[in-house]
Protein backbone atom coordinates (compact mmCIF):
# COMPACT_ATOMS: atom_id res chain seq x y z
CA MET A 1 92.13 56.94 2.80
CA GLU A 2 94.12 60.01 1.80
CA LYS A 3 93.82 61.25 -1.79
CA ASN A 4 96.87 62.54 -3.63
CA PHE A 5 96.01 65.94 -5.14
CA LYS A 6 99.24 66.30 -7.13
CA LYS A 7 97.51 66.22 -10.55
CA GLU A 8 94.82 68.66 -9.45
CA ALA A 9 97.43 71.04 -8.01
CA LYS A 10 99.34 70.98 -11.31
CA VAL A 11 96.18 71.81 -13.25
CA VAL A 12 95.29 74.68 -10.93
CA SER A 13 98.85 76.03 -11.19
CA TRP A 14 98.84 75.69 -15.00
CA VAL A 15 95.51 77.55 -15.33
CA LEU A 16 96.49 80.34 -12.93
CA LEU A 17 99.86 80.85 -14.62
CA GLY A 18 98.13 81.05 -18.00
CA LEU A 19 95.72 83.64 -16.62
CA LEU A 20 98.58 85.57 -15.00
CA MET A 21 99.83 86.49 -18.47
CA LEU A 22 96.63 86.42 -20.53
CA VAL A 23 94.51 88.75 -18.37
CA PRO A 24 97.07 91.59 -18.09
CA GLY A 25 97.81 91.31 -21.81
CA LEU A 26 94.13 91.57 -22.75
CA THR A 27 93.68 94.40 -20.25
CA LYS A 28 96.57 96.30 -21.80
CA LEU A 29 95.13 95.78 -25.28
CA PHE A 30 91.44 96.50 -24.62
CA VAL A 31 91.38 98.72 -21.51
CA SER A 32 94.60 100.71 -21.26
CA GLY A 33 95.21 100.61 -24.96
CA VAL A 34 98.56 100.57 -26.70
CA GLY A 35 98.87 104.32 -26.07
CA GLY A 36 98.54 103.82 -22.33
CA VAL A 37 101.19 101.12 -22.31
CA THR A 38 103.45 103.26 -24.50
CA GLY A 39 103.03 106.15 -22.05
CA MET A 40 103.87 103.91 -19.12
CA LEU A 41 107.02 102.61 -20.81
CA THR A 42 108.03 106.11 -21.89
CA GLY A 43 107.67 107.29 -18.29
CA MET A 44 109.95 104.47 -17.20
CA GLY A 45 112.59 105.53 -19.72
CA PHE A 46 112.26 102.66 -22.18
CA PRO A 47 113.63 103.45 -25.64
CA ALA A 48 111.29 102.75 -28.58
CA ALA A 49 108.36 102.57 -26.15
CA ALA A 50 105.71 102.03 -28.86
CA PHE A 51 107.61 99.01 -30.18
CA PHE A 52 108.11 97.54 -26.71
CA ALA A 53 104.44 98.17 -25.85
CA TRP A 54 103.45 95.87 -28.70
CA VAL A 55 106.14 93.34 -27.75
CA LEU A 56 104.81 93.32 -24.18
CA ILE A 57 101.15 92.95 -25.19
CA ILE A 58 101.85 90.23 -27.76
CA GLY A 59 104.22 88.47 -25.34
CA GLU A 60 101.65 88.42 -22.55
CA ILE A 61 98.70 87.33 -24.69
CA GLY A 62 100.73 84.89 -26.77
CA SER A 63 102.42 83.22 -23.82
CA GLY A 64 99.12 83.04 -21.93
CA VAL A 65 97.44 81.27 -24.85
CA ALA A 66 100.45 79.00 -25.38
CA ILE A 67 100.47 78.06 -21.70
CA PHE A 68 96.76 77.16 -21.85
CA ALA A 69 97.47 75.05 -24.93
CA ARG A 70 100.52 73.54 -23.18
CA TRP A 71 102.44 74.34 -26.38
CA LYS A 72 106.23 74.07 -26.09
CA LEU A 73 106.14 74.97 -22.39
CA LYS A 74 109.86 74.25 -22.10
CA TYR A 75 110.49 77.39 -24.18
CA VAL A 76 107.33 79.50 -23.79
CA VAL A 77 107.76 79.95 -20.03
CA TYR A 78 110.81 82.13 -20.63
CA ILE A 79 108.59 84.90 -22.03
CA PRO A 80 106.63 85.48 -18.80
CA MET A 81 109.79 84.93 -16.77
CA ILE A 82 111.52 87.76 -18.63
CA ILE A 83 108.46 90.03 -18.46
CA LEU A 84 108.13 89.50 -14.71
CA LEU A 85 111.84 89.96 -14.02
CA VAL A 86 111.91 93.22 -15.98
CA ALA A 87 108.81 94.40 -14.10
CA THR A 88 110.41 93.38 -10.81
CA PHE A 89 113.50 95.52 -11.35
CA ALA A 90 111.96 98.37 -13.37
CA VAL A 91 108.69 98.90 -11.50
CA HIS A 92 108.52 97.09 -8.19
CA TRP A 93 112.07 97.36 -6.81
CA GLY A 94 111.84 98.63 -3.26
CA ASN A 95 108.32 97.28 -2.71
CA TRP A 96 109.58 94.00 -1.31
CA SER A 97 106.20 92.28 -1.14
CA ASN A 98 105.73 92.80 -4.89
CA VAL A 99 109.33 91.78 -5.58
CA LEU A 100 108.78 88.50 -3.72
CA LEU A 101 105.45 87.84 -5.45
CA HIS A 102 107.03 88.41 -8.86
CA LEU A 103 109.92 86.10 -7.99
CA VAL A 104 107.49 83.40 -6.81
CA ALA A 105 105.66 83.68 -10.13
CA VAL A 106 108.96 83.46 -12.03
CA SER A 107 109.88 80.29 -10.15
CA SER A 108 106.42 78.85 -10.83
CA TYR A 109 106.85 79.43 -14.57
CA TRP A 110 110.26 77.80 -14.36
CA LEU A 111 108.69 74.73 -12.70
CA LEU A 112 105.90 74.67 -15.29
CA GLY A 113 108.49 74.43 -18.05
CA GLN A 114 110.21 71.39 -16.54
CA LYS A 115 109.38 67.94 -17.84
CA ASP A 116 107.21 65.79 -15.61
């Protein structure tokens, strides 16, 4: 008898997508520090880099926690989608493997936000 692993696959996807935002956000906050993120954004030409560093960190940690809590997923998933799309075009453009991985993650967040 074949078991249907659809529910288990959804749980694994949900957990991994939560970690995909939470871990980098916590790493930026506690390892790189806000100054490191500000320097990175300044080097990329972002205006008001200190402000956007905080927006990025809070967006990653907040959306990661919200995804784990399954809180308003229909709306919350747009935060990581935007973060990943900006990173795709601002940082990874030209490295096509990274571009594709980012786009796969974006589509996974989009699916996560759809009603079952």
